[in-house]
Amino acid sequence: MTTPSEPGRPHDGPPLEPVRVLRPRRTDALAELFREFEREQRGGDEPVPRPQPPAGSEDRTQEMPPVPAGPPPTVGHPSIQRGTALGLAVAAAALIGFGSALLLTDRNTEDRAAPAPVPSTGPPPASSASADPGGPPPAPSAPADPGFLREGDSGPEVTELQQRLLRIPDVYRAGATDGRYDATLSAAVARFQLWYGIQGDETGVYGDDTRLALESRTDDPAY
């Protein structure tokens, strides 16, 4: 190996040339390339021998039965099947709509068949209280049941009931004592029955139980 010369000192010898290194070539790869080229020139890969079937396999082989001759089965076209399904859907929708229309028609017929109440155009019936102003006053009506007073009755017994109810606080406040069993007096009797727990008589009817409870809580109006 040569040593570099000192700096500043010229080199007097011949110039140095690079050393060439010779490496052995791989001839096996080149030979393999030639063999592949020859195979391609001959027509492809090398033929491979067909394996022989095992002994006795031909005895176990059975032939398939012959296929009967006949026209091939027809399969519906997708467009025809789609049209059939669409027709069935339309028919089903039409049946449902027809059934709904029949139900609505029957319901409307029933509604029209029921007669509407006709308002009365005649004059209202004259009540016993509305009499001729110039005529005599109406006679007091006797109670339907002896000892019972209800709405529509009149007379001295009704006057006594009104006077007794006036003595009960807030039951018949500022009520009249005209001897007529009207709706106001019936409401006062019902209020008395509710407040004092009287259940033996009909609501708003002055019966035995209501009379006993009222007379036990009030004095005789004559005194």
C-alpha atoms as a PDB file:
ATOM      1  CA  MET A   1       0.000   0.000   0.000  1.00  0.00           C
ATOM      2  CA  THR A   2       1.455   3.374  -0.943  1.00  0.00           C
ATOM      3  CA  THR A   3       1.649   6.215   1.496  1.00  0.00           C
ATOM      4  CA  PRO A   4       0.622   9.701   0.477  1.00  0.00           C
ATOM      5  CA  SER A   5       3.435  12.011  -0.214  1.00  0.00           C
ATOM      6  CA  GLU A   6       4.138  14.895   1.945  1.00  0.00           C
ATOM      7  CA  PRO A   7       2.267  18.064   1.156  1.00  0.00           C
ATOM      8  CA  GLY A   8       4.058  20.417  -1.143  1.00  0.00           C
ATOM      9  CA  ARG A   9       6.342  17.683  -2.498  1.00  0.00           C
ATOM     10  CA  PRO A  10       5.782  16.589  -6.110  1.00  0.00           C
ATOM     11  CA  HIS A  11       5.405  12.880  -6.973  1.00  0.00           C
ATOM     12  CA  ASP A  12       8.151  11.636  -9.240  1.00  0.00           C
ATOM     13  CA  GLY A  13       6.907   8.087  -9.905  1.00  0.00           C
ATOM     14  CA  PRO A  14       4.404   6.804 -12.538  1.00  0.00           C
ATOM     15  CA  PRO A  15       0.705   7.587 -12.007  1.00  0.00           C
ATOM     16  CA  LEU A  16      -1.377   5.084 -10.040  1.00  0.00           C
ATOM     17  CA  GLU A  17      -4.211   3.196 -11.850  1.00  0.00           C
ATOM     18  CA  PRO A  18      -7.322   1.695 -10.187  1.00  0.00           C
ATOM     19  CA  VAL A  19      -7.271  -2.000  -9.454  1.00  0.00           C
ATOM     20  CA  ARG A  20      -9.969  -4.115 -11.229  1.00  0.00           C
ATOM     21  CA  VAL A  21     -11.484  -6.893  -9.150  1.00  0.00           C
ATOM     22  CA  LEU A  22     -12.700  -9.908 -11.126  1.00  0.00           C
ATOM     23  CA  ARG A  23     -15.635 -11.835  -9.597  1.00  0.00           C
ATOM     24  CA  PRO A  24     -16.768 -15.271 -10.771  1.00  0.00           C
ATOM     25  CA  ARG A  25     -20.151 -15.274 -12.579  1.00  0.00           C
ATOM     26  CA  ARG A  26     -23.053 -17.552 -11.596  1.00  0.00           C
ATOM     27  CA  THR A  27     -23.535 -19.837 -14.553  1.00  0.00           C
ATOM     28  CA  ASP A  28     -26.411 -21.852 -12.948  1.00  0.00           C
ATOM     29  CA  ALA A  29     -28.825 -18.891 -13.121  1.00  0.00           C
ATOM     30  CA  LEU A  30     -27.917 -18.264 -16.716  1.00  0.00           C
ATOM     31  CA  ALA A  31     -28.487 -21.912 -17.564  1.00  0.00           C
ATOM     32  CA  GLU A  32     -31.907 -21.802 -15.897  1.00  0.00           C
ATOM     33  CA  LEU A  33     -32.858 -18.796 -18.055  1.00  0.00           C
ATOM     34  CA  PHE A  34     -31.855 -20.686 -21.177  1.00  0.00           C
ATOM     35  CA  ARG A  35     -33.953 -23.699 -20.172  1.00  0.00           C
ATOM     36  CA  GLU A  36     -37.053 -21.521 -19.601  1.00  0.00           C
ATOM     37  CA  PHE A  37     -36.518 -19.889 -22.975  1.00  0.00           C
ATOM     38  CA  GLU A  38     -36.329 -23.308 -24.657  1.00  0.00           C
ATOM     39  CA  ARG A  39     -39.575 -24.443 -22.948  1.00  0.00           C
ATOM     40  CA  GLU A  40     -41.396 -21.351 -24.164  1.00  0.00           C
ATOM     41  CA  GLN A  41     -40.138 -21.977 -27.678  1.00  0.00           C
ATOM     42  CA  ARG A  42     -41.440 -25.568 -27.605  1.00  0.00           C
ATOM     43  CA  GLY A  43     -44.988 -24.429 -26.708  1.00  0.00           C
ATOM     44  CA  GLY A  44     -45.380 -23.862 -23.010  1.00  0.00           C
ATOM     45  CA  ASP A  45     -44.874 -25.969 -19.960  1.00  0.00           C
ATOM     46  CA  GLU A  46     -43.759 -29.509 -20.034  1.00  0.00           C
ATOM     47  CA  PRO A  47     -46.605 -32.079 -20.215  1.00  0.00           C
ATOM     48  CA  VAL A  48     -47.470 -33.778 -16.959  1.00  0.00           C
ATOM     49  CA  PRO A  49     -48.561 -37.430 -17.123  1.00  0.00           C
ATOM     50  CA  ARG A  50     -52.236 -38.068 -16.182  1.00  0.00           C
ATOM     51  CA  PRO A  51     -52.654 -40.077 -12.983  1.00  0.00           C
ATOM     52  CA  GLN A  52     -54.228 -43.474 -13.442  1.00  0.00           C
ATOM     53  CA  PRO A  53     -57.441 -44.285 -11.487  1.00  0.00           C
ATOM     54  CA  PRO A  54     -57.084 -46.752  -8.626  1.00  0.00           C
ATOM     55  CA  ALA A  55     -57.801 -50.386  -9.259  1.00  0.00           C
ATOM     56  CA  GLY A  56     -61.455 -51.428  -8.849  1.00  0.00           C
ATOM     57  CA  SER A  57     -62.909 -47.927  -9.158  1.00  0.00           C
ATOM     58  CA  GLU A  58     -64.581 -48.723 -12.492  1.00  0.00           C
ATOM     59  CA  ASP A  59     -66.622 -51.509 -10.886  1.00  0.00           C
ATOM     60  CA  ARG A  60     -68.153 -49.095  -8.367  1.00  0.00           C
ATOM     61  CA  THR A  61     -69.120 -46.511 -11.007  1.00  0.00           C
ATOM     62  CA  GLN A  62     -72.876 -46.418 -11.875  1.00  0.00           C
ATOM     63  CA  GLU A  63     -74.470 -44.703 -14.811  1.00  0.00           C
ATOM     64  CA  MET A  64     -77.056 -41.980 -14.239  1.00  0.00           C
ATOM     65  CA  PRO A  65     -80.633 -42.704 -15.404  1.00  0.00           C
ATOM     66  CA  PRO A  66     -81.527 -41.099 -18.726  1.00  0.00           C
ATOM     67  CA  VAL A  67     -83.313 -37.746 -18.645  1.00  0.00           C
ATOM     68  CA  PRO A  68     -86.881 -37.995 -20.024  1.00  0.00           C
ATOM     69  CA  ALA A  69     -87.360 -36.142 -23.268  1.00  0.00           C
ATOM     70  CA  GLY A  70     -89.769 -33.245 -23.146  1.00  0.00           C
ATOM     71  CA  PRO A  71     -90.036 -29.491 -23.398  1.00  0.00           C
ATOM     72  CA  PRO A  72     -88.084 -27.579 -20.769  1.00  0.00           C
ATOM     73  CA  PRO A  73     -90.108 -26.066 -17.919  1.00  0.00           C
ATOM     74  CA  THR A  74     -91.250 -22.566 -18.606  1.00  0.00           C
ATOM     75  CA  VAL A  75     -90.295 -19.908 -16.109  1.00  0.00           C
ATOM     76  CA  GLY A  76     -92.297 -16.689 -15.951  1.00  0.00           C
ATOM     77  CA  HIS A  77     -90.588 -13.572 -17.021  1.00  0.00           C
ATOM     78  CA  PRO A  78     -89.798 -11.163 -14.145  1.00  0.00           C
ATOM     79  CA  SER A  79     -91.821  -8.413 -15.786  1.00  0.00           C
ATOM     80  CA  ILE A  80     -94.871 -10.722 -16.048  1.00  0.00           C
ATOM     81  CA  GLN A  81     -94.562 -11.715 -12.378  1.00  0.00           C
ATOM     82  CA  ARG A  82     -94.235  -8.077 -11.374  1.00  0.00           C
ATOM     83  CA  GLY A  83     -97.346  -7.172 -13.370  1.00  0.00           C
ATOM     84  CA  THR A  84     -99.320 -10.019 -11.731  1.00  0.00           C
ATOM     85  CA  ALA A  85     -98.326  -8.877  -8.238  1.00  0.00           C
ATOM     86  CA  LEU A  86     -99.297  -5.293  -9.069  1.00  0.00           C
ATOM     87  CA  GLY A  87    -102.689  -6.429 -10.364  1.00  0.00           C
ATOM     88  CA  LEU A  88    -103.359  -8.415  -7.181  1.00  0.00           C
ATOM     89  CA  ALA A  89    -102.433  -5.410  -5.011  1.00  0.00           C
ATOM     90  CA  VAL A  90    -104.778  -3.131  -6.974  1.00  0.00           C
ATOM     91  CA  ALA A  91    -107.623  -5.657  -6.686  1.00  0.00           C
ATOM     92  CA  ALA A  92    -107.113  -5.977  -2.913  1.00  0.00           C
ATOM     93  CA  ALA A  93    -107.125  -2.188  -2.479  1.00  0.00           C
ATOM     94  CA  ALA A  94    -110.332  -1.946  -4.531  1.00  0.00           C
ATOM     95  CA  LEU A  95    -112.042  -4.588  -2.356  1.00  0.00           C
ATOM     96  CA  ILE A  96    -111.021  -2.795   0.844  1.00  0.00           C
ATOM     97  CA  GLY A  97    -112.311   0.548  -0.479  1.00  0.00           C
ATOM     98  CA  PHE A  98    -115.596  -1.038  -1.577  1.00  0.00           C
ATOM     99  CA  GLY A  99    -116.094  -2.602   1.868  1.00  0.00           C
ATOM    100  CA  SER A 100    -115.395   0.709   3.627  1.00  0.00           C
ATOM    101  CA  ALA A 101    -117.881   2.497   1.361  1.00  0.00           C
ATOM    102  CA  LEU A 102    -120.562  -0.092   2.198  1.00  0.00           C
ATOM    103  CA  LEU A 103    -119.969   0.353   5.937  1.00  0.00           C
ATOM    104  CA  LEU A 104    -120.205   4.147   5.682  1.00  0.00           C
ATOM    105  CA  THR A 105    -123.370   3.867   3.597  1.00  0.00           C
ATOM    106  CA  ASP A 106    -125.038   1.567   6.141  1.00  0.00           C
ATOM    107  CA  ARG A 107    -124.089   3.901   8.992  1.00  0.00           C
ATOM    108  CA  ASN A 108    -125.471   6.948   7.192  1.00  0.00           C
ATOM    109  CA  THR A 109    -128.672   5.039   6.414  1.00  0.00           C
ATOM    110  CA  GLU A 110    -129.135   4.172  10.080  1.00  0.00           C
ATOM    111  CA  ASP A 111    -128.550   7.790  11.073  1.00  0.00           C
ATOM    112  CA  ARG A 112    -131.137   9.005   8.559  1.00  0.00           C
ATOM    113  CA  ALA A 113    -133.600   6.302   9.586  1.00  0.00           C
ATOM    114  CA  ALA A 114    -133.762   7.563  13.196  1.00  0.00           C
ATOM    115  CA  PRO A 115    -136.445  10.259  13.253  1.00  0.00           C
ATOM    116  CA  ALA A 116    -135.436  13.560  14.747  1.00  0.00           C
ATOM    117  CA  PRO A 117    -137.628  14.923  17.519  1.00  0.00           C
ATOM    118  CA  VAL A 118    -140.106  17.409  16.143  1.00  0.00           C
ATOM    119  CA  PRO A 119    -140.442  20.512  18.319  1.00  0.00           C
ATOM    120  CA  SER A 120    -143.926  21.182  19.492  1.00  0.00           C
ATOM    121  CA  THR A 121    -145.475  24.275  17.915  1.00  0.00           C
ATOM    122  CA  GLY A 122    -148.637  24.298  20.005  1.00  0.00           C
ATOM    123  CA  PRO A 123    -149.202  26.502  23.027  1.00  0.00           C
ATOM    124  CA  PRO A 124    -147.827  25.233  26.339  1.00  0.00           C
ATOM    125  CA  PRO A 125    -150.341  23.536  28.653  1.00  0.00           C
ATOM    126  CA  ALA A 126    -151.942  25.854  31.090  1.00  0.00           C
ATOM    127  CA  SER A 127    -150.886  25.266  34.683  1.00  0.00           C
ATOM    128  CA  SER A 128    -153.187  25.245  37.612  1.00  0.00           C
ATOM    129  CA  ALA A 129    -151.444  28.306  39.053  1.00  0.00           C
ATOM    130  CA  SER A 130    -152.067  30.439  35.947  1.00  0.00           C
ATOM    131  CA  ALA A 131    -155.783  31.142  36.225  1.00  0.00           C
ATOM    132  CA  ASP A 132    -157.943  33.972  35.090  1.00  0.00           C
ATOM    133  CA  PRO A 133    -157.044  37.053  37.122  1.00  0.00           C
ATOM    134  CA  GLY A 134    -160.692  38.002  37.384  1.00  0.00           C
ATOM    135  CA  GLY A 135    -161.860  34.532  38.484  1.00  0.00           C
ATOM    136  CA  PRO A 136    -161.825  32.939  41.923  1.00  0.00           C
ATOM    137  CA  PRO A 137    -158.481  31.693  43.379  1.00  0.00           C
ATOM    138  CA  PRO A 138    -157.689  27.997  42.775  1.00  0.00           C
ATOM    139  CA  ALA A 139    -158.707  25.568  45.460  1.00  0.00           C
ATOM    140  CA  PRO A 140    -155.837  24.052  47.479  1.00  0.00           C
ATOM    141  CA  SER A 141    -154.865  20.601  46.252  1.00  0.00           C
ATOM    142  CA  ALA A 142    -154.865  17.830  48.813  1.00  0.00           C
ATOM    143  CA  PRO A 143    -151.664  15.750  49.184  1.00  0.00           C
ATOM    144  CA  ALA A 144    -151.602  12.506  47.236  1.00  0.00           C
ATOM    145  CA  ASP A 145    -150.592  10.492  50.322  1.00  0.00           C
ATOM    146  CA  PRO A 146    -152.008  11.336  53.738  1.00  0.00           C
ATOM    147  CA  GLY A 147    -149.272  12.964  55.835  1.00  0.00           C
ATOM    148  CA  PHE A 148    -146.975  13.550  52.823  1.00  0.00           C
ATOM    149  CA  LEU A 149    -146.370  16.875  51.140  1.00  0.00           C
ATOM    150  CA  ARG A 150    -144.572  17.269  47.803  1.00  0.00           C
ATOM    151  CA  GLU A 151    -144.051  19.841  45.094  1.00  0.00           C
ATOM    152  CA  GLY A 152    -147.388  21.014  43.657  1.00  0.00           C
ATOM    153  CA  ASP A 153    -149.345  20.726  46.913  1.00  0.00           C
ATOM    154  CA  SER A 154    -150.866  23.718  48.685  1.00  0.00           C
ATOM    155  CA  GLY A 155    -152.840  24.506  51.809  1.00  0.00           C
ATOM    156  CA  PRO A 156    -152.430  25.279  55.500  1.00  0.00           C
ATOM    157  CA  GLU A 157    -150.127  22.287  56.059  1.00  0.00           C
ATOM    158  CA  VAL A 158    -147.717  23.718  53.513  1.00  0.00           C
ATOM    159  CA  THR A 159    -147.875  27.080  55.300  1.00  0.00           C
ATOM    160  CA  GLU A 160    -147.000  25.384  58.600  1.00  0.00           C
ATOM    161  CA  LEU A 161    -144.042  23.636  56.904  1.00  0.00           C
ATOM    162  CA  GLN A 162    -142.774  26.951  55.572  1.00  0.00           C
ATOM    163  CA  GLN A 163    -143.021  28.593  58.984  1.00  0.00           C
ATOM    164  CA  ARG A 164    -141.147  25.746  60.685  1.00  0.00           C
ATOM    165  CA  LEU A 165    -138.364  25.791  58.059  1.00  0.00           C
ATOM    166  CA  LEU A 166    -137.894  29.535  58.618  1.00  0.00           C
ATOM    167  CA  ARG A 167    -136.881  28.710  62.210  1.00  0.00           C
ATOM    168  CA  ILE A 168    -134.023  26.448  61.036  1.00  0.00           C
ATOM    169  CA  PRO A 169    -130.929  28.593  60.307  1.00  0.00           C
ATOM    170  CA  ASP A 170    -129.991  28.925  56.618  1.00  0.00           C
ATOM    171  CA  VAL A 171    -132.401  26.218  55.401  1.00  0.00           C
ATOM    172  CA  TYR A 172    -135.271  28.367  54.052  1.00  0.00           C
ATOM    173  CA  ARG A 173    -133.753  31.819  54.290  1.00  0.00           C
ATOM    174  CA  ALA A 174    -136.183  34.595  53.274  1.00  0.00           C
ATOM    175  CA  GLY A 175    -138.677  32.011  52.084  1.00  0.00           C
ATOM    176  CA  ALA A 176    -142.347  32.769  51.411  1.00  0.00           C
ATOM    177  CA  THR A 177    -145.254  31.528  53.552  1.00  0.00           C
ATOM    178  CA  ASP A 178    -147.888  31.565  50.828  1.00  0.00           C
ATOM    179  CA  GLY A 179    -149.003  27.954  51.318  1.00  0.00           C
ATOM    180  CA  ARG A 180    -147.662  26.673  47.936  1.00  0.00           C
ATOM    181  CA  TYR A 181    -145.176  23.800  47.697  1.00  0.00           C
ATOM    182  CA  ASP A 182    -142.983  25.128  44.887  1.00  0.00           C
ATOM    183  CA  ALA A 183    -139.441  24.281  43.755  1.00  0.00           C
ATOM    184  CA  THR A 184    -137.882  26.626  46.323  1.00  0.00           C
ATOM    185  CA  LEU A 185    -139.651  24.887  49.186  1.00  0.00           C
ATOM    186  CA  SER A 186    -138.752  21.457  47.781  1.00  0.00           C
ATOM    187  CA  ALA A 187    -135.076  22.485  47.696  1.00  0.00           C
ATOM    188  CA  ALA A 188    -135.298  23.697  51.296  1.00  0.00           C
ATOM    189  CA  VAL A 189    -136.781  20.363  52.417  1.00  0.00           C
ATOM    190  CA  ALA A 190    -134.028  18.470  50.577  1.00  0.00           C
ATOM    191  CA  ARG A 191    -131.409  20.696  52.221  1.00  0.00           C
ATOM    192  CA  PHE A 192    -132.888  19.992  55.667  1.00  0.00           C
ATOM    193  CA  GLN A 193    -132.868  16.239  54.978  1.00  0.00           C
ATOM    194  CA  LEU A 194    -129.220  16.358  53.853  1.00  0.00           C
ATOM    195  CA  TRP A 195    -127.939  18.466  56.738  1.00  0.00           C
ATOM    196  CA  TYR A 196    -129.672  16.429  59.451  1.00  0.00           C
ATOM    197  CA  GLY A 197    -129.159  12.969  57.897  1.00  0.00           C
ATOM    198  CA  ILE A 198    -132.804  12.075  57.232  1.00  0.00           C
ATOM    199  CA  GLN A 199    -133.017   9.064  54.903  1.00  0.00           C
ATOM    200  CA  GLY A 200    -136.487   7.630  55.435  1.00  0.00           C
ATOM    201  CA  ASP A 201    -138.276   9.935  52.950  1.00  0.00           C
ATOM    202  CA  GLU A 202    -137.789  10.779  49.286  1.00  0.00           C
ATOM    203  CA  THR A 203    -135.527  13.758  48.640  1.00  0.00           C
ATOM    204  CA  GLY A 204    -137.554  16.977  48.703  1.00  0.00           C
ATOM    205  CA  VAL A 205    -140.720  15.237  50.012  1.00  0.00           C
ATOM    206  CA  TYR A 206    -142.067  16.137  53.431  1.00  0.00           C
ATOM    207  CA  GLY A 207    -142.818  12.660  54.829  1.00  0.00           C
ATOM    208  CA  ASP A 208    -143.138  11.105  58.253  1.00  0.00           C
ATOM    209  CA  ASP A 209    -139.422  10.979  59.094  1.00  0.00           C
ATOM    210  CA  THR A 210    -138.815  14.524  57.874  1.00  0.00           C
ATOM    211  CA  ARG A 211    -141.910  15.796  59.751  1.00  0.00           C
ATOM    212  CA  LEU A 212    -140.777  14.091  62.988  1.00  0.00           C
ATOM    213  CA  ALA A 213    -137.264  15.577  62.743  1.00  0.00           C
ATOM    214  CA  LEU A 214    -138.527  19.079  61.903  1.00  0.00           C
ATOM    215  CA  GLU A 215    -141.222  19.139  64.630  1.00  0.00           C
ATOM    216  CA  SER A 216    -138.672  17.949  67.221  1.00  0.00           C
ATOM    217  CA  ARG A 217    -136.450  20.950  66.418  1.00  0.00           C
ATOM    218  CA  THR A 218    -139.136  23.669  66.123  1.00  0.00           C
ATOM    219  CA  ASP A 219    -142.120  24.891  68.123  1.00  0.00           C
ATOM    220  CA  ASP A 220    -145.715  25.013  66.988  1.00  0.00           C
ATOM    221  CA  PRO A 221    -146.134  28.111  64.791  1.00  0.00           C
ATOM    222  CA  ALA A 222    -149.496  28.811  66.449  1.00  0.00           C
ATOM    223  CA  TYR A 223    -147.773  29.744  69.697  1.00  0.00           C
END
